[in-house]
Amino acid sequence: MMNQAMKRYQTKQSIQRETQEMRRKEIQQLSTQLNVLLVDKMNSRVEGAYINQKKLQSHTRQLQYNAATMQRQTDDWLKLLDGFNTALKEVGDVMNWAKSLESEMTKISHTLAYAYKEEVESESALLE
């Protein structure tokens, strides 16, 4: 009887060990699957963040290029405008010079006309 009880106990122990081993393997397999799923989810988020970072860097470079291009165009326009202003000043200077020259020529012309008139009058007074 004792032998039978011992055998039943050992059989029960063996069954419990096998059940525990099966449960341990099942839990280990499930935890491995859970880890794989968590790592995959994390990797997809990291990959998304990396892709977004690359897009931001690309947009930033494009924006910097556009800003530099706009700066160069603005500088060119300012140089062009300065040249235009200088040309306008020169035209104004030429106009002032022409007006001064015209005024002086008019004075000289009037002076010569007056001198000629005086000479003609003095000659005609001498002839009389």
Protein backbone atom coordinates (compact mmCIF):
# COMPACT_ATOMS: atom_id res chain seq x y z
CA MET A 1 0.00 0.00 0.00
CA MET A 2 2.79 2.33 0.78
CA ASN A 3 4.38 1.52 -2.55
CA GLN A 4 1.20 2.31 -4.36
CA ALA A 5 0.82 5.61 -2.52
CA MET A 6 4.43 6.41 -3.32
CA LYS A 7 3.92 5.56 -6.98
CA ARG A 8 0.76 7.69 -7.13
CA TYR A 9 2.63 10.54 -5.46
CA GLN A 10 5.55 10.22 -7.88
CA THR A 11 3.16 10.01 -10.84
CA LYS A 12 1.33 13.07 -9.60
CA GLN A 13 4.63 14.89 -9.12
CA SER A 14 5.76 13.91 -12.60
CA ILE A 15 2.49 15.12 -14.12
CA GLN A 16 2.75 18.39 -12.19
CA ARG A 17 6.37 18.85 -13.35
CA GLU A 18 5.38 18.20 -16.96
CA THR A 19 2.43 20.59 -16.62
CA GLN A 20 4.69 23.23 -15.08
CA GLU A 21 7.29 22.71 -17.80
CA MET A 22 4.61 23.04 -20.51
CA ARG A 23 3.26 26.20 -18.85
CA ARG A 24 6.80 27.61 -18.46
CA LYS A 25 7.51 26.97 -22.17
CA GLU A 26 4.14 28.45 -23.14
CA ILE A 27 4.77 31.58 -21.02
CA GLN A 28 8.28 31.86 -22.41
CA GLN A 29 6.93 31.59 -25.96
CA LEU A 30 4.19 34.15 -25.24
CA SER A 31 6.66 36.56 -23.63
CA THR A 32 8.97 36.21 -26.63
CA GLN A 33 6.06 36.99 -28.95
CA LEU A 34 5.11 39.97 -26.78
CA ASN A 35 8.70 41.25 -26.87
CA VAL A 36 8.82 40.87 -30.64
CA LEU A 37 5.53 42.77 -31.01
CA LEU A 38 6.69 45.54 -28.67
CA VAL A 39 10.04 45.88 -30.43
CA ASP A 40 8.32 45.95 -33.83
CA LYS A 41 5.91 48.62 -32.64
CA MET A 42 8.76 50.66 -31.17
CA ASN A 43 10.83 50.25 -34.32
CA SER A 44 7.94 51.42 -36.48
CA ARG A 45 7.59 54.53 -34.32
CA VAL A 46 11.33 55.17 -34.42
CA GLU A 47 11.29 54.63 -38.18
CA GLY A 48 8.41 57.12 -38.50
CA ALA A 49 10.31 59.67 -36.41
CA TYR A 50 13.43 59.11 -38.53
CA ILE A 51 11.47 59.59 -41.76
CA ASN A 52 9.89 62.77 -40.38
CA GLN A 53 13.32 64.04 -39.33
CA LYS A 54 14.70 63.42 -42.83
CA LYS A 55 11.72 65.24 -44.36
CA LEU A 56 12.25 68.18 -42.00
CA GLN A 57 15.93 68.31 -42.87
CA SER A 58 15.10 68.25 -46.58
CA HIS A 59 12.51 71.02 -46.20
CA THR A 60 14.95 73.03 -44.09
CA ARG A 61 17.65 72.76 -46.77
CA GLN A 62 15.14 73.78 -49.45
CA LEU A 63 14.00 76.73 -47.34
CA GLN A 64 17.60 77.82 -46.77
CA TYR A 65 18.28 77.59 -50.51
CA ASN A 66 15.15 79.61 -51.30
CA ALA A 67 16.07 82.22 -48.68
CA ALA A 68 19.59 82.54 -50.11
CA THR A 69 18.19 82.86 -53.63
CA MET A 70 15.75 85.51 -52.49
CA GLN A 71 18.57 87.36 -50.73
CA ARG A 72 20.66 87.35 -53.90
CA GLN A 73 17.70 88.59 -55.95
CA THR A 74 17.03 91.33 -53.42
CA ASP A 75 20.68 92.39 -53.51
CA ASP A 76 20.58 92.45 -57.33
CA TRP A 77 17.39 94.54 -57.27
CA LEU A 78 18.96 96.97 -54.79
CA LYS A 79 22.04 97.34 -57.00
CA LEU A 80 19.80 97.90 -60.01
CA LEU A 81 17.76 100.49 -58.10
CA ASP A 82 20.94 102.26 -56.94
CA GLY A 83 22.14 102.38 -60.54
CA PHE A 84 18.79 103.78 -61.63
CA ASN A 85 18.93 106.45 -58.90
CA THR A 86 22.46 107.38 -59.95
CA ALA A 87 21.35 107.64 -63.58
CA LEU A 88 18.43 109.86 -62.55
CA LYS A 89 20.80 112.11 -60.60
CA GLU A 90 23.10 112.32 -63.60
CA VAL A 91 20.16 113.21 -65.84
CA GLY A 92 19.20 115.89 -63.33
CA ASP A 93 22.80 117.14 -63.30
CA VAL A 94 22.87 117.25 -67.12
CA MET A 95 19.56 119.11 -67.15
CA ASN A 96 20.89 121.66 -64.65
CA TRP A 97 24.08 122.00 -66.67
CA ALA A 98 22.06 122.49 -69.87
CA LYS A 99 19.85 125.12 -68.20
CA SER A 100 22.92 126.94 -66.86
CA LEU A 101 24.56 126.79 -70.26
CA GLU A 102 21.39 128.04 -71.95
CA SER A 103 21.10 130.87 -69.44
CA GLU A 104 24.73 131.88 -69.97
CA MET A 105 24.39 131.67 -73.75
CA THR A 106 21.28 133.84 -73.58
CA LYS A 107 23.17 136.41 -71.49
CA ILE A 108 26.08 136.33 -73.94
CA SER A 109 23.68 136.66 -76.86
CA HIS A 110 21.92 139.63 -75.26
CA THR A 111 25.28 141.19 -74.39
CA LEU A 112 26.54 140.75 -77.96
CA ALA A 113 23.27 142.08 -79.36
CA TYR A 114 23.49 145.06 -77.04
CA ALA A 115 27.14 145.65 -77.95
CA TYR A 116 26.34 145.40 -81.65
CA LYS A 117 23.45 147.78 -81.22
CA GLU A 118 25.69 150.24 -79.38
CA GLU A 119 28.36 149.94 -82.06
CA VAL A 120 25.86 150.50 -84.85
CA GLU A 121 24.39 153.48 -83.02
CA SER A 122 27.83 154.97 -82.37
CA GLU A 123 28.82 154.49 -86.01
CA SER A 124 25.61 156.04 -87.17
CA ALA A 125 26.13 158.93 -84.75
CA LEU A 126 29.63 159.45 -86.16
CA LEU A 127 28.34 159.42 -89.68
CA GLU A 128 25.80 162.05 -89.00
